[in-house]
PDB file of N, CA and C in Angstrom:
ATOM      1  N   UNK A   1     -13.682  62.610 -27.733  1.00  0.00           N
ATOM      2  CA  UNK A   1     -14.073  61.220 -27.843  1.00  0.00           C
ATOM      3  C   UNK A   1     -13.093  60.438 -28.721  1.00  0.00           C
ATOM      4  N   UNK A   2     -12.674  61.023 -29.791  1.00  0.00           N
ATOM      5  CA  UNK A   2     -11.739  60.336 -30.681  1.00  0.00           C
ATOM      6  C   UNK A   2     -10.403  60.094 -30.001  1.00  0.00           C
ATOM      7  N   UNK A   3     -10.054  60.934 -29.025  1.00  0.00           N
ATOM      8  CA  UNK A   3      -8.817  60.727 -28.278  1.00  0.00           C
ATOM      9  C   UNK A   3      -8.960  59.557 -27.306  1.00  0.00           C
ATOM     10  N   UNK A   4     -10.153  59.387 -26.783  1.00  0.00           N
ATOM     11  CA  UNK A   4     -10.396  58.327 -25.798  1.00  0.00           C
ATOM     12  C   UNK A   4     -10.489  56.952 -26.444  1.00  0.00           C
ATOM     13  N   UNK A   5     -10.894  56.909 -27.646  1.00  0.00           N
ATOM     14  CA  UNK A   5     -11.095  55.626 -28.324  1.00  0.00           C
ATOM     15  C   UNK A   5      -9.827  54.788 -28.379  1.00  0.00           C
ATOM     16  N   UNK A   6      -8.681  55.313 -28.787  1.00  0.00           N
ATOM     17  CA  UNK A   6      -7.454  54.496 -28.767  1.00  0.00           C
ATOM     18  C   UNK A   6      -7.102  54.011 -27.359  1.00  0.00           C
ATOM     19  N   UNK A   7      -7.332  54.875 -26.355  1.00  0.00           N
ATOM     20  CA  UNK A   7      -7.066  54.468 -24.978  1.00  0.00           C
ATOM     21  C   UNK A   7      -8.013  53.346 -24.545  1.00  0.00           C
ATOM     22  N   UNK A   8      -9.259  53.474 -24.903  1.00  0.00           N
ATOM     23  CA  UNK A   8     -10.240  52.431 -24.579  1.00  0.00           C
ATOM     24  C   UNK A   8      -9.900  51.121 -25.280  1.00  0.00           C
ATOM     25  N   UNK A   9      -9.505  51.228 -26.525  1.00  0.00           N
ATOM     26  CA  UNK A   9      -9.121  50.018 -27.274  1.00  0.00           C
ATOM     27  C   UNK A   9      -7.906  49.366 -26.634  1.00  0.00           C
ATOM     28  N   UNK A  10      -6.931  50.171 -26.258  1.00  0.00           N
ATOM     29  CA  UNK A  10      -5.725  49.642 -25.622  1.00  0.00           C
ATOM     30  C   UNK A  10      -6.073  48.986 -24.283  1.00  0.00           C
ATOM     31  N   UNK A  11      -6.923  49.629 -23.495  1.00  0.00           N
ATOM     32  CA  UNK A  11      -7.333  49.061 -22.218  1.00  0.00           C
ATOM     33  C   UNK A  11      -8.104  47.759 -22.438  1.00  0.00           C
ATOM     34  N   UNK A  12      -8.929  47.760 -23.438  1.00  0.00           N
ATOM     35  CA  UNK A  12      -9.699  46.547 -23.756  1.00  0.00           C
ATOM     36  C   UNK A  12      -8.764  45.406 -24.161  1.00  0.00           C
ATOM     37  N   UNK A  13      -7.730  45.703 -24.934  1.00  0.00           N
ATOM     38  CA  UNK A  13      -6.745  44.681 -25.323  1.00  0.00           C
ATOM     39  C   UNK A  13      -6.028  44.138 -24.093  1.00  0.00           C
ATOM     40  N   UNK A  14      -5.677  45.021 -23.155  1.00  0.00           N
ATOM     41  CA  UNK A  14      -5.014  44.587 -21.923  1.00  0.00           C
ATOM     42  C   UNK A  14      -5.947  43.686 -21.103  1.00  0.00           C
ATOM     43  N   UNK A  15      -7.211  44.103 -21.029  1.00  0.00           N
ATOM     44  CA  UNK A  15      -8.193  43.299 -20.284  1.00  0.00           C
ATOM     45  C   UNK A  15      -8.350  41.913 -20.911  1.00  0.00           C
ATOM     46  N   UNK A  16      -8.437  41.883 -22.236  1.00  0.00           N
ATOM     47  CA  UNK A  16      -8.566  40.599 -22.945  1.00  0.00           C
ATOM     48  C   UNK A  16      -7.337  39.743 -22.678  1.00  0.00           C
ATOM     49  N   UNK A  17      -6.153  40.327 -22.743  1.00  0.00           N
ATOM     50  CA  UNK A  17      -4.911  39.574 -22.500  1.00  0.00           C
ATOM     51  C   UNK A  17      -4.905  39.011 -21.078  1.00  0.00           C
ATOM     52  N   UNK A  18      -5.303  39.820 -20.089  1.00  0.00           N
ATOM     53  CA  UNK A  18      -5.360  39.350 -18.707  1.00  0.00           C
ATOM     54  C   UNK A  18      -6.347  38.198 -18.560  1.00  0.00           C
ATOM     55  N   UNK A  19      -7.508  38.312 -19.185  1.00  0.00           N
ATOM     56  CA  UNK A  19      -8.502  37.231 -19.105  1.00  0.00           C
ATOM     57  C   UNK A  19      -8.002  35.971 -19.796  1.00  0.00           C
ATOM     58  N   UNK A  20      -7.290  36.127 -20.886  1.00  0.00           N
ATOM     59  CA  UNK A  20      -6.715  34.954 -21.556  1.00  0.00           C
ATOM     60  C   UNK A  20      -5.656  34.298 -20.673  1.00  0.00           C
ATOM     61  N   UNK A  21      -4.864  35.108 -19.973  1.00  0.00           N
ATOM     62  CA  UNK A  21      -3.869  34.563 -19.046  1.00  0.00           C
ATOM     63  C   UNK A  21      -4.561  33.806 -17.919  1.00  0.00           C
ATOM     64  N   UNK A  22      -5.634  34.383 -17.380  1.00  0.00           N
ATOM     65  CA  UNK A  22      -6.385  33.726 -16.314  1.00  0.00           C
ATOM     66  C   UNK A  22      -7.010  32.426 -16.820  1.00  0.00           C
ATOM     67  N   UNK A  23      -7.556  32.459 -18.026  1.00  0.00           N
ATOM     68  CA  UNK A  23      -8.152  31.254 -18.608  1.00  0.00           C
ATOM     69  C   UNK A  23      -7.083  30.180 -18.815  1.00  0.00           C
ATOM     70  N   UNK A  24      -5.920  30.589 -19.298  1.00  0.00           N
ATOM     71  CA  UNK A  24      -4.821  29.657 -19.512  1.00  0.00           C
ATOM     72  C   UNK A  24      -4.402  29.013 -18.190  1.00  0.00           C
ATOM     73  N   UNK A  25      -4.294  29.827 -17.133  1.00  0.00           N
ATOM     74  CA  UNK A  25      -3.941  29.295 -15.817  1.00  0.00           C
ATOM     75  C   UNK A  25      -5.034  28.357 -15.309  1.00  0.00           C
ATOM     76  N   UNK A  26      -6.277  28.717 -15.535  1.00  0.00           N
ATOM     77  CA  UNK A  26      -7.397  27.867 -15.122  1.00  0.00           C
ATOM     78  C   UNK A  26      -7.326  26.514 -15.824  1.00  0.00           C
ATOM     79  N   UNK A  27      -7.018  26.504 -17.103  1.00  0.00           N
ATOM     80  CA  UNK A  27      -6.911  25.254 -17.865  1.00  0.00           C
ATOM     81  C   UNK A  27      -5.749  24.417 -17.332  1.00  0.00           C
ATOM     82  N   UNK A  28      -4.592  25.054 -17.048  1.00  0.00           N
ATOM     83  CA  UNK A  28      -3.465  24.312 -16.474  1.00  0.00           C
ATOM     84  C   UNK A  28      -3.836  23.713 -15.119  1.00  0.00           C
ATOM     85  N   UNK A  29      -4.497  24.518 -14.275  1.00  0.00           N
ATOM     86  CA  UNK A  29      -4.919  24.032 -12.962  1.00  0.00           C
ATOM     87  C   UNK A  29      -5.918  22.874 -13.081  1.00  0.00           C
ATOM     88  N   UNK A  30      -6.845  23.006 -14.025  1.00  0.00           N
ATOM     89  CA  UNK A  30      -7.849  21.960 -14.251  1.00  0.00           C
ATOM     90  C   UNK A  30      -7.176  20.664 -14.698  1.00  0.00           C
ATOM     91  N   UNK A  31      -6.235  20.763 -15.620  1.00  0.00           N
ATOM     92  CA  UNK A  31      -5.521  19.571 -16.097  1.00  0.00           C
ATOM     93  C   UNK A  31      -4.713  18.929 -14.968  1.00  0.00           C
ATOM     94  N   UNK A  32      -4.064  19.755 -14.160  1.00  0.00           N
ATOM     95  CA  UNK A  32      -3.305  19.245 -13.026  1.00  0.00           C
ATOM     96  C   UNK A  32      -4.230  18.550 -12.036  1.00  0.00           C
ATOM     97  N   UNK A  33      -5.365  19.168 -11.761  1.00  0.00           N
ATOM     98  CA  UNK A  33      -6.339  18.590 -10.840  1.00  0.00           C
ATOM     99  C   UNK A  33      -6.860  17.244 -11.357  1.00  0.00           C
ATOM    100  N   UNK A  34      -7.171  17.179 -12.644  1.00  0.00           N
ATOM    101  CA  UNK A  34      -7.652  15.917 -13.224  1.00  0.00           C
ATOM    102  C   UNK A  34      -6.579  14.834 -13.150  1.00  0.00           C
ATOM    103  N   UNK A  35      -5.334  15.214 -13.416  1.00  0.00           N
ATOM    104  CA  UNK A  35      -4.231  14.253 -13.310  1.00  0.00           C
ATOM    105  C   UNK A  35      -4.067  13.757 -11.884  1.00  0.00           C
ATOM    106  N   UNK A  36      -4.127  14.675 -10.935  1.00  0.00           N
ATOM    107  CA  UNK A  36      -4.016  14.289  -9.524  1.00  0.00           C
ATOM    108  C   UNK A  36      -5.189  13.413  -9.096  1.00  0.00           C
ATOM    109  N   UNK A  37      -6.366  13.725  -9.611  1.00  0.00           N
ATOM    110  CA  UNK A  37      -7.549  12.925  -9.287  1.00  0.00           C
ATOM    111  C   UNK A  37      -7.359  11.491  -9.776  1.00  0.00           C
ATOM    112  N   UNK A  38      -6.834  11.327 -10.981  1.00  0.00           N
ATOM    113  CA  UNK A  38      -6.579   9.973 -11.503  1.00  0.00           C
ATOM    114  C   UNK A  38      -5.562   9.236 -10.629  1.00  0.00           C
ATOM    115  N   UNK A  39      -4.524   9.945 -10.211  1.00  0.00           N
ATOM    116  CA  UNK A  39      -3.510   9.323  -9.357  1.00  0.00           C
ATOM    117  C   UNK A  39      -4.131   8.876  -8.040  1.00  0.00           C
ATOM    118  N   UNK A  40      -4.953   9.734  -7.441  1.00  0.00           N
ATOM    119  CA  UNK A  40      -5.612   9.384  -6.177  1.00  0.00           C
ATOM    120  C   UNK A  40      -6.516   8.174  -6.363  1.00  0.00           C
ATOM    121  N   UNK A  41      -7.255   8.122  -7.462  1.00  0.00           N
ATOM    122  CA  UNK A  41      -8.137   6.985  -7.730  1.00  0.00           C
ATOM    123  C   UNK A  41      -7.327   5.699  -7.891  1.00  0.00           C
ATOM    124  N   UNK A  42      -6.214   5.772  -8.624  1.00  0.00           N
ATOM    125  CA  UNK A  42      -5.360   4.596  -8.806  1.00  0.00           C
ATOM    126  C   UNK A  42      -4.762   4.142  -7.479  1.00  0.00           C
ATOM    127  N   UNK A  43      -4.297   5.097  -6.688  1.00  0.00           N
ATOM    128  CA  UNK A  43      -3.720   4.744  -5.386  1.00  0.00           C
ATOM    129  C   UNK A  43      -4.773   4.170  -4.449  1.00  0.00           C
ATOM    130  N   UNK A  44      -5.983   4.701  -4.516  1.00  0.00           N
ATOM    131  CA  UNK A  44      -7.066   4.171  -3.689  1.00  0.00           C
ATOM    132  C   UNK A  44      -7.358   2.719  -4.057  1.00  0.00           C
ATOM    133  N   UNK A  45      -7.364   2.444  -5.342  1.00  0.00           N
ATOM    134  CA  UNK A  45      -7.585   1.069  -5.797  1.00  0.00           C
ATOM    135  C   UNK A  45      -6.465   0.163  -5.290  1.00  0.00           C
ATOM    136  N   UNK A  46      -5.231   0.643  -5.382  1.00  0.00           N
ATOM    137  CA  UNK A  46      -4.099  -0.157  -4.915  1.00  0.00           C
ATOM    138  C   UNK A  46      -4.152  -0.369  -3.403  1.00  0.00           C
ATOM    139  N   UNK A  47      -4.589   0.642  -2.657  1.00  0.00           N
ATOM    140  CA  UNK A  47      -4.709   0.500  -1.198  1.00  0.00           C
ATOM    141  C   UNK A  47      -5.713  -0.596  -0.868  1.00  0.00           C
ATOM    142  N   UNK A  48      -6.821  -0.628  -1.587  1.00  0.00           N
ATOM    143  CA  UNK A  48      -7.825  -1.677  -1.365  1.00  0.00           C
ATOM    144  C   UNK A  48      -7.220  -3.045  -1.685  1.00  0.00           C
ATOM    145  N   UNK A  49      -6.503  -3.146  -2.803  1.00  0.00           N
ATOM    146  CA  UNK A  49      -5.873  -4.416  -3.183  1.00  0.00           C
ATOM    147  C   UNK A  49      -4.849  -4.854  -2.134  1.00  0.00           C
ATOM    148  N   UNK A  50      -4.024  -3.912  -1.683  1.00  0.00           N
ATOM    149  CA  UNK A  50      -3.006  -4.237  -0.677  1.00  0.00           C
ATOM    150  C   UNK A  50      -3.683  -4.655   0.625  1.00  0.00           C
ATOM    151  N   UNK A  51      -4.780  -4.002   0.961  1.00  0.00           N
ATOM    152  CA  UNK A  51      -5.525  -4.382   2.163  1.00  0.00           C
ATOM    153  C   UNK A  51      -6.025  -5.813   2.080  1.00  0.00           C
ATOM    154  N   UNK A  52      -6.536  -6.206   0.920  1.00  0.00           N
ATOM    155  CA  UNK A  52      -7.003  -7.592   0.731  1.00  0.00           C
ATOM    156  C   UNK A  52      -5.834  -8.564   0.833  1.00  0.00           C
ATOM    157  N   UNK A  53      -4.717  -8.200   0.223  1.00  0.00           N
ATOM    158  CA  UNK A  53      -3.521  -9.054   0.294  1.00  0.00           C
ATOM    159  C   UNK A  53      -3.058  -9.179   1.740  1.00  0.00           C
ATOM    160  N   UNK A  54      -3.083  -8.079   2.467  1.00  0.00           N
ATOM    161  CA  UNK A  54      -2.662  -8.094   3.864  1.00  0.00           C
ATOM    162  C   UNK A  54      -3.542  -9.029   4.690  1.00  0.00           C
ATOM    163  N   UNK A  55      -4.842  -8.963   4.477  1.00  0.00           N
ATOM    164  CA  UNK A  55      -5.763  -9.845   5.207  1.00  0.00           C
ATOM    165  C   UNK A  55      -5.456 -11.302   4.895  1.00  0.00           C
ATOM    166  N   UNK A  56      -5.226 -11.603   3.624  1.00  0.00           N
ATOM    167  CA  UNK A  56      -4.910 -12.981   3.223  1.00  0.00           C
ATOM    168  C   UNK A  56      -3.593 -13.432   3.843  1.00  0.00           C
ATOM    169  N   UNK A  57      -2.597 -12.542   3.857  1.00  0.00           N
ATOM    170  CA  UNK A  57      -1.307 -12.891   4.469  1.00  0.00           C
ATOM    171  C   UNK A  57      -1.466 -13.143   5.971  1.00  0.00           C
ATOM    172  N   UNK A  58      -2.276 -12.330   6.614  1.00  0.00           N
ATOM    173  CA  UNK A  58      -2.509 -12.546   8.047  1.00  0.00           C
ATOM    174  C   UNK A  58      -3.163 -13.911   8.289  1.00  0.00           C
ATOM    175  N   UNK A  59      -4.117 -14.248   7.424  1.00  0.00           N
ATOM    176  CA  UNK A  59      -4.793 -15.544   7.554  1.00  0.00           C
ATOM    177  C   UNK A  59      -3.791 -16.681   7.363  1.00  0.00           C
ATOM    178  N   UNK A  60      -2.963 -16.567   6.324  1.00  0.00           N
ATOM    179  CA  UNK A  60      -1.970 -17.602   6.057  1.00  0.00           C
ATOM    180  C   UNK A  60      -0.925 -17.675   7.168  1.00  0.00           C
ATOM    181  N   UNK A  61      -0.505 -16.531   7.664  1.00  0.00           N
ATOM    182  CA  UNK A  61       0.463 -16.525   8.757  1.00  0.00           C
ATOM    183  C   UNK A  61      -0.123 -17.172  10.007  1.00  0.00           C
ATOM    184  N   UNK A  62      -1.410 -16.940  10.239  1.00  0.00           N
ATOM    185  CA  UNK A  62      -2.071 -17.598  11.368  1.00  0.00           C
ATOM    186  C   UNK A  62      -2.058 -19.112  11.216  1.00  0.00           C
ATOM    187  N   UNK A  63      -2.357 -19.583  10.007  1.00  0.00           N
ATOM    188  CA  UNK A  63      -2.316 -21.028   9.752  1.00  0.00           C
ATOM    189  C   UNK A  63      -0.908 -21.573   9.916  1.00  0.00           C
ATOM    190  N   UNK A  64       0.082 -20.815   9.401  1.00  0.00           N
ATOM    191  CA  UNK A  64       1.475 -21.256   9.531  1.00  0.00           C
ATOM    192  C   UNK A  64       1.896 -21.316  11.003  1.00  0.00           C
ATOM    193  N   UNK A  65       1.484 -20.328  11.776  1.00  0.00           N
ATOM    194  CA  UNK A  65       1.841 -20.323  13.193  1.00  0.00           C
ATOM    195  C   UNK A  65       1.217 -21.514  13.911  1.00  0.00           C
ATOM    196  N   UNK A  66      -0.023 -21.823  13.560  1.00  0.00           N
ATOM    197  CA  UNK A  66      -0.679 -22.997  14.142  1.00  0.00           C
ATOM    198  C   UNK A  66       0.094 -24.261  13.792  1.00  0.00           C
ATOM    199  N   UNK A  67       0.490 -24.367  12.538  1.00  0.00           N
ATOM    200  CA  UNK A  67       1.223 -25.554  12.087  1.00  0.00           C
ATOM    201  C   UNK A  67       2.598 -25.635  12.765  1.00  0.00           C
ATOM    202  N   UNK A  68       3.280 -24.495  12.915  1.00  0.00           N
ATOM    203  CA  UNK A  68       4.580 -24.473  13.591  1.00  0.00           C
ATOM    204  C   UNK A  68       4.413 -24.947  15.033  1.00  0.00           C
ATOM    205  N   UNK A  69       3.380 -24.476  15.691  1.00  0.00           N
ATOM    206  CA  UNK A  69       3.123 -24.889  17.078  1.00  0.00           C
ATOM    207  C   UNK A  69       2.887 -26.400  17.148  1.00  0.00           C
ATOM    208  N   UNK A  70       2.097 -26.926  16.208  1.00  0.00           N
ATOM    209  CA  UNK A  70       1.842 -28.374  16.167  1.00  0.00           C
ATOM    210  C   UNK A  70       3.154 -29.137  15.971  1.00  0.00           C
ATOM    211  N   UNK A  71       3.986 -28.663  15.050  1.00  0.00           N
ATOM    212  CA  UNK A  71       5.253 -29.341  14.773  1.00  0.00           C
ATOM    213  C   UNK A  71       6.202 -29.261  15.966  1.00  0.00           C
ATOM    214  N   UNK A  72       6.208 -28.129  16.666  1.00  0.00           N
ATOM    215  CA  UNK A  72       7.047 -28.012  17.855  1.00  0.00           C
ATOM    216  C   UNK A  72       6.592 -29.006  18.930  1.00  0.00           C
ATOM    217  N   UNK A  73       5.277 -29.144  19.081  1.00  0.00           N
ATOM    218  CA  UNK A  73       4.757 -30.103  20.053  1.00  0.00           C
ATOM    219  C   UNK A  73       5.117 -31.535  19.646  1.00  0.00           C
ATOM    220  N   UNK A  74       4.960 -31.839  18.356  1.00  0.00           N
ATOM    221  CA  UNK A  74       5.346 -33.160  17.854  1.00  0.00           C
ATOM    222  C   UNK A  74       6.836 -33.408  18.076  1.00  0.00           C
ATOM    223  N   UNK A  75       7.644 -32.387  17.825  1.00  0.00           N
ATOM    224  CA  UNK A  75       9.088 -32.509  18.004  1.00  0.00           C
ATOM    225  C   UNK A  75       9.429 -32.813  19.464  1.00  0.00           C
ATOM    226  N   UNK A  76       8.763 -32.131  20.392  1.00  0.00           N
ATOM    227  CA  UNK A  76       8.994 -32.390  21.818  1.00  0.00           C
ATOM    228  C   UNK A  76       8.607 -33.828  22.177  1.00  0.00           C
ATOM    229  N   UNK A  77       7.463 -34.285  21.635  1.00  0.00           N
ATOM    230  CA  UNK A  77       7.019 -35.657  21.914  1.00  0.00           C
ATOM    231  C   UNK A  77       8.014 -36.668  21.364  1.00  0.00           C
ATOM    232  N   UNK A  78       8.475 -36.424  20.142  1.00  0.00           N
ATOM    233  CA  UNK A  78       9.445 -37.332  19.533  1.00  0.00           C
ATOM    234  C   UNK A  78      10.770 -37.321  20.298  1.00  0.00           C
ATOM    235  N   UNK A  79      11.191 -36.130  20.730  1.00  0.00           N
ATOM    236  CA  UNK A  79      12.425 -36.041  21.518  1.00  0.00           C
ATOM    237  C   UNK A  79      12.270 -36.821  22.820  1.00  0.00           C
ATOM    238  N   UNK A  80      11.113 -36.737  23.438  1.00  0.00           N
ATOM    239  CA  UNK A  80      10.851 -37.474  24.680  1.00  0.00           C
ATOM    240  C   UNK A  80      10.859 -38.983  24.418  1.00  0.00           C
ATOM    241  N   UNK A  81      10.257 -39.389  23.296  1.00  0.00           N
ATOM    242  CA  UNK A  81      10.240 -40.818  22.945  1.00  0.00           C
ATOM    243  C   UNK A  81      11.670 -41.320  22.705  1.00  0.00           C
ATOM    244  N   UNK A  82      12.471 -40.539  22.012  1.00  0.00           N
ATOM    245  CA  UNK A  82      13.860 -40.922  21.757  1.00  0.00           C
ATOM    246  C   UNK A  82      14.610 -41.020  23.079  1.00  0.00           C
ATOM    247  N   UNK A  83      14.407 -40.041  23.937  1.00  0.00           N
ATOM    248  CA  UNK A  83      15.063 -40.064  25.245  1.00  0.00           C
ATOM    249  C   UNK A  83      14.644 -41.292  26.045  1.00  0.00           C
ATOM    250  N   UNK A  84      13.346 -41.597  26.021  1.00  0.00           N
ATOM    251  CA  UNK A  84      12.850 -42.779  26.741  1.00  0.00           C
ATOM    252  C   UNK A  84      13.469 -44.054  26.172  1.00  0.00           C
ATOM    253  N   UNK A  85      13.566 -44.158  24.845  1.00  0.00           N
ATOM    254  CA  UNK A  85      14.155 -45.344  24.217  1.00  0.00           C
ATOM    255  C   UNK A  85      15.629 -45.472  24.583  1.00  0.00           C
ATOM    256  N   UNK A  86      16.335 -44.351  24.586  1.00  0.00           N
ATOM    257  CA  UNK A  86      17.751 -44.383  24.963  1.00  0.00           C
ATOM    258  C   UNK A  86      17.898 -44.798  26.423  1.00  0.00           C
ATOM    259  N   UNK A  87      17.027 -44.301  27.269  1.00  0.00           N
ATOM    260  CA  UNK A  87      17.071 -44.667  28.687  1.00  0.00           C
ATOM    261  C   UNK A  87      16.750 -46.145  28.876  1.00  0.00           C
ATOM    262  N   UNK A  88      15.789 -46.655  28.129  1.00  0.00           N
ATOM    263  CA  UNK A  88      15.445 -48.080  28.216  1.00  0.00           C
ATOM    264  C   UNK A  88      16.643 -48.934  27.808  1.00  0.00           C
ATOM    265  N   UNK A  89      17.307 -48.502  26.737  1.00  0.00           N
ATOM    266  CA  UNK A  89      18.460 -49.230  26.269  1.00  0.00           C
ATOM    267  C   UNK A  89      19.588 -49.204  27.291  1.00  0.00           C
ATOM    268  N   UNK A  90      19.810 -48.058  27.857  1.00  0.00           N
ATOM    269  CA  UNK A  90      20.879 -47.926  28.848  1.00  0.00           C
ATOM    270  C   UNK A  90      20.576 -48.789  30.078  1.00  0.00           C
ATOM    271  N   UNK A  91      19.369 -48.671  30.544  1.00  0.00           N
ATOM    272  CA  UNK A  91      19.016 -49.415  31.759  1.00  0.00           C
ATOM    273  C   UNK A  91      18.741 -50.876  31.454  1.00  0.00           C
ATOM    274  N   UNK A  92      18.325 -51.148  30.207  1.00  0.00           N
ATOM    275  CA  UNK A  92      18.004 -52.537  29.834  1.00  0.00           C
ATOM    276  C   UNK A  92      19.226 -53.401  29.716  1.00  0.00           C
ATOM    277  N   UNK A  93      20.376 -52.851  29.333  1.00  0.00           N
ATOM    278  CA  UNK A  93      21.567 -53.697  29.176  1.00  0.00           C
ATOM    279  C   UNK A  93      22.531 -53.532  30.358  1.00  0.00           C
ATOM    280  N   UNK A  94      22.073 -52.846  31.379  1.00  0.00           N
ATOM    281  CA  UNK A  94      22.876 -52.741  32.584  1.00  0.00           C
ATOM    282  C   UNK A  94      23.868 -51.610  32.599  1.00  0.00           C
ATOM    283  N   UNK A  95      23.866 -50.725  31.579  1.00  0.00           N
ATOM    284  CA  UNK A  95      24.795 -49.614  31.577  1.00  0.00           C
ATOM    285  C   UNK A  95      24.105 -48.390  32.162  1.00  0.00           C
ATOM    286  N   UNK A  96      24.943 -47.569  32.823  1.00  0.00           N
ATOM    287  CA  UNK A  96      24.391 -46.360  33.425  1.00  0.00           C
ATOM    288  C   UNK A  96      25.020 -45.139  32.849  1.00  0.00           C
TER     289      UNK A  96
END
């Protein structure tokens, strides 16, 4: 029995060291997981914010497109009016 005791103590020390290594790895993994979780939460918040910005930009772009279309139509009307005035002038003074 006295011969086995040092062997048992040595084995117990090895077991304790292995468990401490496993615990240390578990703590590192836990810290990494918590850090990654925070990053995911921050990115999720940013995705929501970007989504809201995107919706607002789409709304504004729609308004801008409507306004551009209105201005293009106005421009065509004005160009037609200018053309008509030039034609009146040409035909009004006898020039062709």
